Amino acid sequence: MALLPQQDVTLTPVPVKFRATPIRVVPFRLVTTEASSHAVSGSERGTTSDRNACRSPNVITSAALVTQGFSFSTRPWTSDDAPFLWEMLYQSIHVRDGAEPPPRAILKEPDIAHYLDDFDKRACDDAQIAVGADGERIGAAFCRCLSANDPGYGFVSAAIPEIGMAVVAAHRGRGIGRRLLGDMLERHHTLSLSVDADNAGAMRLYAELGFVAVGTVGTSITMLRKR
């Protein structure tokens, strides 16, 4: 996620040249593993019919995958995962090499907080959690539909969920991000996202999963994946 002032986006195909850099599955920077205090109570969660309104019906709990000698699995989120989702939102903020990470207070900024505030109250709110063999949460992907009056950095349409994702630093490079995105694409066949133009590894991963560049905002590229 690239932090830029909100601007109008021209949704036209954009040719993208990928630099020959090694692929990192989720090239986001870990700052700490401290969890945010934000949470969503069970009483605040939306109805099942609302949550499934823009999903395909096959909600999958993935079988364990072993890669590079490491075993992990993925599952749909629950309200107990809400603090971890806020942590992953923070870690999904792209920090360029040599730059200082933003303060954690940035999670309270409206253009960041709107990705998870009252999560599960909107029809397209959804998330997938990756867990290690010991049950520890190690990554998450999450999506939400935002409005034209309150757009996200990768906004395309109020009907299209925008996805964000991060993996705990110690577990990157193991295919976890690819697996999380694949799971989410099973349930949401059209998704958008925002990626910094210098984040070649992430852009290559998204392109391999069917995302195409459709617009630019400053140094951020908006990508869209349609079935």
Protein backbone atom coordinates (compact mmCIF):
# COMPACT_ATOMS: atom_id res chain seq x y z
CA MET A 1 0.00 0.00 0.00
CA ALA A 2 1.48 3.34 -1.04
CA LEU A 3 0.52 6.32 1.10
CA LEU A 4 -0.43 9.14 -1.22
CA PRO A 5 -3.01 11.95 -1.29
CA GLN A 6 -6.31 10.78 -2.74
CA GLN A 7 -6.68 11.83 -6.38
CA ASP A 8 -8.89 10.97 -9.30
CA VAL A 9 -7.67 7.83 -11.04
CA THR A 10 -7.81 7.36 -14.81
CA LEU A 11 -8.60 3.70 -15.35
CA THR A 12 -6.78 2.91 -18.57
CA PRO A 13 -4.33 0.08 -19.23
CA VAL A 14 -0.82 1.02 -18.15
CA PRO A 15 2.24 -0.72 -19.59
CA VAL A 16 4.47 -1.83 -16.74
CA LYS A 17 8.11 -2.85 -17.07
CA PHE A 18 9.33 -5.09 -14.28
CA ARG A 19 12.91 -4.71 -13.14
CA ALA A 20 14.95 -7.88 -12.82
CA THR A 21 14.88 -8.07 -9.03
CA PRO A 22 14.38 -11.20 -6.92
CA ILE A 23 10.77 -11.93 -6.07
CA ARG A 24 9.78 -11.59 -2.43
CA VAL A 25 6.36 -13.04 -1.82
CA VAL A 26 5.13 -10.11 0.27
CA PRO A 27 7.65 -7.30 0.15
CA PHE A 28 6.32 -5.37 3.12
CA ARG A 29 8.56 -4.27 5.97
CA LEU A 30 8.06 -5.54 9.52
CA VAL A 31 8.58 -2.93 12.22
CA THR A 32 7.41 -4.72 15.35
CA THR A 33 5.01 -7.52 16.15
CA GLU A 34 3.05 -5.48 18.67
CA ALA A 35 -0.67 -5.90 17.98
CA SER A 36 -3.01 -2.94 17.78
CA SER A 37 -5.71 -2.60 20.40
CA HIS A 38 -8.43 -2.30 17.74
CA ALA A 39 -10.92 -5.17 17.79
CA VAL A 40 -14.38 -6.07 16.59
CA SER A 41 -16.77 -7.71 19.00
CA GLY A 42 -19.00 -10.56 17.97
CA SER A 43 -22.07 -8.35 18.35
CA GLU A 44 -20.64 -5.93 15.76
CA ARG A 45 -20.22 -8.54 13.07
CA GLY A 46 -22.53 -8.39 10.04
CA THR A 47 -25.03 -11.04 9.04
CA THR A 48 -24.00 -14.11 7.10
CA SER A 49 -26.10 -13.10 4.11
CA ASP A 50 -24.47 -9.65 4.01
CA ARG A 51 -20.96 -11.07 4.29
CA ASN A 52 -21.57 -13.52 1.46
CA ALA A 53 -23.23 -11.01 -0.86
CA CYS A 54 -20.20 -10.47 -3.10
CA ARG A 55 -18.38 -13.77 -2.56
CA SER A 56 -18.42 -17.02 -4.41
CA PRO A 57 -19.99 -19.76 -2.28
CA ASN A 58 -16.90 -21.89 -1.75
CA VAL A 59 -15.45 -20.60 1.53
CA ILE A 60 -12.35 -22.71 1.91
CA THR A 61 -10.21 -23.71 4.86
CA SER A 62 -7.03 -24.73 3.09
CA ALA A 63 -5.22 -27.96 3.87
CA ALA A 64 -1.72 -27.65 5.27
CA LEU A 65 0.95 -26.79 2.74
CA VAL A 66 4.59 -27.71 3.23
CA THR A 67 7.13 -25.47 1.51
CA GLN A 68 10.87 -25.26 2.18
CA GLY A 69 10.36 -27.60 5.12
CA PHE A 70 7.81 -25.25 6.70
CA SER A 71 4.17 -26.24 7.19
CA PHE A 72 1.33 -23.73 7.26
CA SER A 73 -2.37 -23.58 6.52
CA THR A 74 -4.92 -20.85 5.84
CA ARG A 75 -8.45 -20.27 7.08
CA PRO A 76 -11.18 -17.61 6.98
CA TRP A 77 -10.87 -14.99 9.69
CA THR A 78 -12.89 -14.78 12.91
CA SER A 79 -13.47 -11.86 15.28
CA ASP A 80 -10.57 -13.13 17.42
CA ASP A 81 -8.24 -12.22 14.53
CA ALA A 82 -9.18 -8.52 14.52
CA PRO A 83 -6.09 -7.25 16.41
CA PHE A 84 -3.85 -9.27 14.09
CA LEU A 85 -5.56 -7.75 11.04
CA TRP A 86 -4.67 -4.28 12.34
CA GLU A 87 -1.07 -5.41 12.76
CA MET A 88 -1.04 -6.70 9.19
CA LEU A 89 -2.57 -3.44 7.96
CA TYR A 90 0.34 -1.58 9.54
CA GLN A 91 2.89 -3.95 8.04
CA SER A 92 1.28 -3.68 4.60
CA ILE A 93 2.29 -0.01 4.38
CA HIS A 94 5.17 0.05 1.94
CA VAL A 95 8.36 1.67 3.27
CA ARG A 96 11.00 2.44 0.69
CA ASP A 97 14.58 1.36 1.29
CA GLY A 98 16.35 3.77 3.61
CA ALA A 99 13.14 5.43 4.79
CA GLU A 100 11.81 5.35 8.34
CA PRO A 101 8.54 3.45 8.92
CA PRO A 102 5.55 5.61 9.84
CA PRO A 103 4.46 5.88 13.48
CA ARG A 104 1.79 3.45 14.59
CA ALA A 105 -0.54 6.39 15.10
CA ILE A 106 -1.00 6.30 11.33
CA LEU A 107 -3.53 3.50 11.89
CA LYS A 108 -5.87 6.15 13.30
CA GLU A 109 -5.69 8.29 10.17
CA PRO A 110 -9.05 8.10 8.34
CA ASP A 111 -7.53 7.05 4.99
CA ILE A 112 -5.86 4.08 6.73
CA ALA A 113 -8.40 3.22 9.43
CA HIS A 114 -11.26 2.93 6.93
CA TYR A 115 -9.82 -0.38 5.70
CA LEU A 116 -10.65 -2.10 9.00
CA ASP A 117 -12.92 0.13 11.11
CA ASP A 118 -16.04 -1.85 12.07
CA PHE A 119 -14.75 -4.71 9.95
CA ASP A 120 -17.40 -7.27 8.91
CA LYS A 121 -20.22 -4.71 8.90
CA ARG A 122 -20.01 -4.22 5.13
CA ALA A 123 -21.09 -6.79 2.60
CA CYS A 124 -17.66 -7.36 1.03
CA ASP A 125 -15.61 -7.39 4.26
CA ASP A 126 -13.54 -10.56 4.25
CA ALA A 127 -10.13 -11.84 5.34
CA GLN A 128 -7.99 -14.96 5.20
CA ILE A 129 -5.46 -15.89 7.90
CA ALA A 130 -2.28 -17.95 7.52
CA VAL A 131 -1.19 -19.96 10.55
CA GLY A 132 1.89 -22.06 11.24
CA ALA A 133 1.84 -25.65 12.43
CA ASP A 134 1.80 -24.36 16.01
CA GLY A 135 -1.31 -22.28 15.35
CA GLU A 136 0.57 -18.96 15.40
CA ARG A 137 -0.81 -16.34 12.99
CA ILE A 138 1.82 -15.54 10.38
CA GLY A 139 0.01 -13.57 7.69
CA ALA A 140 -3.30 -12.19 6.49
CA ALA A 141 -5.08 -10.85 3.44
CA PHE A 142 -8.16 -8.66 3.84
CA CYS A 143 -10.53 -6.83 1.55
CA ARG A 144 -13.29 -4.25 1.75
CA CYS A 145 -15.51 -2.29 -0.64
CA LEU A 146 -15.03 1.46 -0.21
CA SER A 147 -17.06 4.28 -1.73
CA ALA A 148 -16.22 6.96 -4.25
CA ASN A 149 -16.71 9.48 -1.44
CA ASP A 150 -14.18 7.64 0.74
CA PRO A 151 -11.90 5.78 -1.69
CA GLY A 152 -8.94 3.60 -0.85
CA TYR A 153 -5.52 3.93 -2.47
CA GLY A 154 -6.42 1.18 -4.95
CA PHE A 155 -10.03 2.27 -5.52
CA VAL A 156 -11.62 1.29 -8.82
CA SER A 157 -15.33 0.99 -8.05
CA ALA A 158 -17.60 0.86 -5.01
CA ALA A 159 -18.60 -2.63 -6.14
CA ILE A 160 -15.02 -3.96 -6.29
CA PRO A 161 -13.26 -4.94 -3.04
CA GLU A 162 -9.76 -3.57 -2.51
CA ILE A 163 -7.33 -6.07 -1.02
CA GLY A 164 -4.39 -5.61 1.33
CA MET A 165 -1.96 -8.23 2.62
CA ALA A 166 1.11 -8.78 4.77
CA VAL A 167 3.16 -11.66 6.15
CA VAL A 168 5.20 -11.63 9.36
CA ALA A 169 8.82 -10.92 8.41
CA ALA A 170 10.24 -14.21 9.70
CA HIS A 171 7.94 -16.17 7.38
CA ARG A 172 8.27 -14.30 4.10
CA GLY A 173 9.51 -16.01 0.98
CA ARG A 174 7.66 -19.26 1.70
CA GLY A 175 4.69 -18.86 -0.64
CA ILE A 176 2.36 -17.68 2.12
CA GLY A 177 1.36 -14.45 0.40
CA ARG A 178 0.64 -16.24 -2.86
CA ARG A 179 -1.51 -18.77 -1.01
CA LEU A 180 -3.47 -16.05 0.82
CA LEU A 181 -4.14 -14.15 -2.39
CA GLY A 182 -5.19 -17.34 -4.14
CA ASP A 183 -7.64 -18.16 -1.36
CA MET A 184 -9.16 -14.69 -1.52
CA LEU A 185 -9.49 -14.89 -5.29
CA GLU A 186 -11.49 -18.10 -4.86
CA ARG A 187 -14.10 -16.06 -2.99
CA HIS A 188 -13.80 -12.67 -4.75
CA HIS A 189 -13.25 -13.03 -8.46
CA THR A 190 -12.70 -9.29 -8.96
CA LEU A 191 -10.29 -7.42 -6.69
CA SER A 192 -8.23 -4.24 -6.86
CA LEU A 193 -5.10 -3.15 -5.03
CA SER A 194 -2.47 -0.43 -4.81
CA VAL A 195 1.26 -1.11 -5.10
CA ASP A 196 4.24 1.21 -5.13
CA ALA A 197 5.94 1.42 -8.52
CA ASP A 198 9.33 0.52 -7.02
CA ASN A 199 7.95 -2.69 -5.50
CA ALA A 200 8.83 -4.90 -8.49
CA GLY A 201 8.59 -8.20 -6.62
CA ALA A 202 5.04 -7.54 -5.45
CA MET A 203 3.98 -6.32 -8.89
CA ARG A 204 5.35 -9.46 -10.50
CA LEU A 205 3.44 -11.66 -8.04
CA TYR A 206 0.21 -9.78 -8.66
CA ALA A 207 0.69 -10.02 -12.44
CA GLU A 208 1.22 -13.77 -12.15
CA LEU A 209 -2.11 -14.00 -10.33
CA GLY A 210 -3.95 -12.10 -13.06
CA PHE A 211 -3.82 -8.49 -11.86
CA VAL A 212 -3.25 -5.82 -14.52
CA ALA A 213 -2.28 -2.18 -14.09
CA VAL A 214 -5.23 0.12 -14.78
CA GLY A 215 -4.14 3.49 -13.42
CA THR A 216 -1.55 5.48 -11.52
CA VAL A 217 -1.68 7.91 -8.60
CA GLY A 218 1.70 9.52 -8.04
CA THR A 219 4.18 6.65 -7.58
CA SER A 220 1.40 4.16 -6.81
CA ILE A 221 -0.02 1.79 -9.41
CA THR A 222 -3.63 0.62 -9.21
CA MET A 223 -4.05 -2.99 -10.31
CA LEU A 224 -7.25 -4.90 -11.05
CA ARG A 225 -7.98 -8.58 -11.36
CA LYS A 226 -11.16 -9.70 -13.11
CA ARG A 227 -12.26 -13.28 -13.59
